[in-house]
C-alpha atoms as a PDB file:
ATOM      1  CA  MET A   1     291.898 129.835  48.380  1.00  0.00           C
ATOM      2  CA  THR A   2     291.380 133.469  47.471  1.00  0.00           C
ATOM      3  CA  ARG A   3     288.919 133.826  50.311  1.00  0.00           C
ATOM      4  CA  GLU A   4     291.439 132.568  52.888  1.00  0.00           C
ATOM      5  CA  SER A   5     294.129 134.983  51.746  1.00  0.00           C
ATOM      6  CA  GLY A   6     291.565 137.809  51.864  1.00  0.00           C
ATOM      7  CA  GLN A   7     290.765 136.937  55.473  1.00  0.00           C
ATOM      8  CA  THR A   8     294.465 136.847  56.318  1.00  0.00           C
ATOM      9  CA  MET A   9     294.997 140.257  54.795  1.00  0.00           C
ATOM     10  CA  SER A  10     291.982 141.569  56.682  1.00  0.00           C
ATOM     11  CA  PHE A  11     293.462 140.200  59.924  1.00  0.00           C
ATOM     12  CA  LEU A  12     296.827 141.777  59.120  1.00  0.00           C
ATOM     13  CA  ALA A  13     295.104 145.073  58.308  1.00  0.00           C
ATOM     14  CA  TRP A  14     293.389 144.997  61.720  1.00  0.00           C
ATOM     15  CA  ILE A  15     296.738 144.329  63.406  1.00  0.00           C
ATOM     16  CA  VAL A  16     298.402 147.231  61.554  1.00  0.00           C
ATOM     17  CA  LEU A  17     295.459 149.546  62.237  1.00  0.00           C
ATOM     18  CA  GLY A  18     295.414 148.464  65.887  1.00  0.00           C
ATOM     19  CA  LEU A  19     299.143 148.992  66.327  1.00  0.00           C
ATOM     20  CA  ILE A  20     299.061 152.486  64.875  1.00  0.00           C
ATOM     21  CA  ALA A  21     295.857 153.500  66.687  1.00  0.00           C
ATOM     22  CA  GLY A  22     297.010 152.049  70.011  1.00  0.00           C
ATOM     23  CA  PHE A  23     300.380 153.770  69.732  1.00  0.00           C
ATOM     24  CA  ILE A  24     298.802 157.145  68.943  1.00  0.00           C
ATOM     25  CA  ALA A  25     296.200 156.759  71.704  1.00  0.00           C
ATOM     26  CA  SER A  26     298.904 155.843  74.228  1.00  0.00           C
ATOM     27  CA  LYS A  27     300.833 158.978  73.316  1.00  0.00           C
ATOM     28  CA  ILE A  28     297.675 161.105  73.642  1.00  0.00           C
ATOM     29  CA  VAL A  29     296.576 159.684  76.995  1.00  0.00           C
ATOM     30  CA  ASN A  30     299.796 159.236  78.951  1.00  0.00           C
ATOM     31  CA  ARG A  31     302.727 160.263  76.706  1.00  0.00           C
ATOM     32  CA  ARG A  32     304.252 156.769  76.779  1.00  0.00           C
ATOM     33  CA  GLY A  33     303.277 153.456  75.290  1.00  0.00           C
ATOM     34  CA  GLU A  34     301.724 150.616  77.211  1.00  0.00           C
ATOM     35  CA  GLY A  35     303.843 148.021  75.410  1.00  0.00           C
ATOM     36  CA  LEU A  36     303.556 146.532  71.949  1.00  0.00           C
ATOM     37  CA  VAL A  37     300.982 143.835  72.753  1.00  0.00           C
ATOM     38  CA  LEU A  38     298.746 146.067  74.867  1.00  0.00           C
ATOM     39  CA  ASP A  39     298.980 148.886  72.288  1.00  0.00           C
ATOM     40  CA  ILE A  40     297.839 146.498  69.536  1.00  0.00           C
ATOM     41  CA  LEU A  41     295.085 145.034  71.686  1.00  0.00           C
ATOM     42  CA  LEU A  42     293.786 148.441  72.767  1.00  0.00           C
ATOM     43  CA  GLY A  43     294.003 149.685  69.189  1.00  0.00           C
ATOM     44  CA  VAL A  44     292.019 146.776  67.723  1.00  0.00           C
ATOM     45  CA  VAL A  45     289.411 146.821  70.488  1.00  0.00           C
ATOM     46  CA  GLY A  46     289.398 150.620  70.231  1.00  0.00           C
ATOM     47  CA  ALA A  47     288.661 150.352  66.517  1.00  0.00           C
ATOM     48  CA  PHE A  48     285.606 148.251  67.326  1.00  0.00           C
ATOM     49  CA  ALA A  49     284.605 150.607  70.145  1.00  0.00           C
ATOM     50  CA  GLY A  50     285.169 153.666  67.964  1.00  0.00           C
ATOM     51  CA  GLY A  51     283.135 152.114  65.154  1.00  0.00           C
ATOM     52  CA  TRP A  52     280.313 151.422  67.599  1.00  0.00           C
ATOM     53  CA  LEU A  53     280.475 154.971  69.030  1.00  0.00           C
ATOM     54  CA  PHE A  54     280.514 156.559  65.590  1.00  0.00           C
ATOM     55  CA  HIS A  55     277.615 154.329  64.479  1.00  0.00           C
ATOM     56  CA  LEU A  56     275.720 155.326  67.639  1.00  0.00           C
ATOM     57  CA  PHE A  57     276.011 158.985  66.610  1.00  0.00           C
ATOM     58  CA  GLY A  58     275.035 158.294  62.989  1.00  0.00           C
ATOM     59  CA  ALA A  59     278.462 158.266  61.310  1.00  0.00           C
ATOM     60  CA  SER A  60     280.128 155.334  59.596  1.00  0.00           C
ATOM     61  CA  GLY A  61     282.655 153.270  61.515  1.00  0.00           C
ATOM     62  CA  VAL A  62     285.850 151.557  60.417  1.00  0.00           C
ATOM     63  CA  SER A  63     285.716 150.995  56.661  1.00  0.00           C
ATOM     64  CA  GLY A  64     289.172 149.620  55.882  1.00  0.00           C
ATOM     65  CA  LEU A  65     292.774 150.645  56.175  1.00  0.00           C
ATOM     66  CA  ASN A  66     292.498 154.398  55.544  1.00  0.00           C
ATOM     67  CA  LEU A  67     292.836 157.699  57.429  1.00  0.00           C
ATOM     68  CA  TYR A  68     289.167 157.899  58.420  1.00  0.00           C
ATOM     69  CA  SER A  69     289.288 154.407  59.927  1.00  0.00           C
ATOM     70  CA  LEU A  70     292.517 155.302  61.710  1.00  0.00           C
ATOM     71  CA  PHE A  71     290.791 158.392  63.156  1.00  0.00           C
ATOM     72  CA  VAL A  72     287.842 156.281  64.344  1.00  0.00           C
ATOM     73  CA  ALA A  73     290.195 153.687  65.852  1.00  0.00           C
ATOM     74  CA  VAL A  74     292.290 156.339  67.633  1.00  0.00           C
ATOM     75  CA  ILE A  75     289.158 157.917  69.145  1.00  0.00           C
ATOM     76  CA  GLY A  76     287.948 154.515  70.328  1.00  0.00           C
ATOM     77  CA  ALA A  77     291.363 153.498  71.649  1.00  0.00           C
ATOM     78  CA  THR A  78     291.725 156.826  73.479  1.00  0.00           C
ATOM     79  CA  VAL A  79     288.365 156.342  75.200  1.00  0.00           C
ATOM     80  CA  LEU A  80     289.242 152.741  76.029  1.00  0.00           C
ATOM     81  CA  LEU A  81     292.711 153.648  77.315  1.00  0.00           C
ATOM     82  CA  SER A  82     291.274 156.441  79.476  1.00  0.00           C
ATOM     83  CA  LEU A  83     288.829 153.960  81.020  1.00  0.00           C
ATOM     84  CA  TYR A  84     291.675 151.480  81.494  1.00  0.00           C
ATOM     85  CA  HIS A  85     293.720 154.081  83.409  1.00  0.00           C
ATOM     86  CA  LEU A  86     290.685 155.100  85.446  1.00  0.00           C
ATOM     87  CA  VAL A  87     290.085 151.496  86.567  1.00  0.00           C
ATOM     88  CA  ARG A  88     293.800 150.860  87.147  1.00  0.00           C
ATOM     89  CA  ARG A  89     294.109 154.042  89.215  1.00  0.00           C
ATOM     90  CA  ARG A  90     291.151 153.061  91.412  1.00  0.00           C
ATOM     91  CA  ARG A  91     292.681 149.646  92.045  1.00  0.00           C
ATOM     92  CA  ALA A  92     295.902 151.277  93.226  1.00  0.00           C
ATOM     93  CA  TRP A  93     294.031 152.973  96.053  1.00  0.00           C
END
């Protein structure tokens, strides 16, 4: 039972980290949020992307719910959100 509650907390930590990172990245990229669900999704996926990018350059990725992990997630979410806007802008043409 302890293992299940640990996984739940880990999931909740990813949601919290994703929400904060997605919100910050949205404010950096376009000064307004994309909506709660999309901010969380971009933040969580951005955390994975940021962890992969940082690992690619030899640094450690997301290591928990701390400021360094938030920084990594915001960088990843910013890159992901910029790509999202680039694709969305091309579709509008």
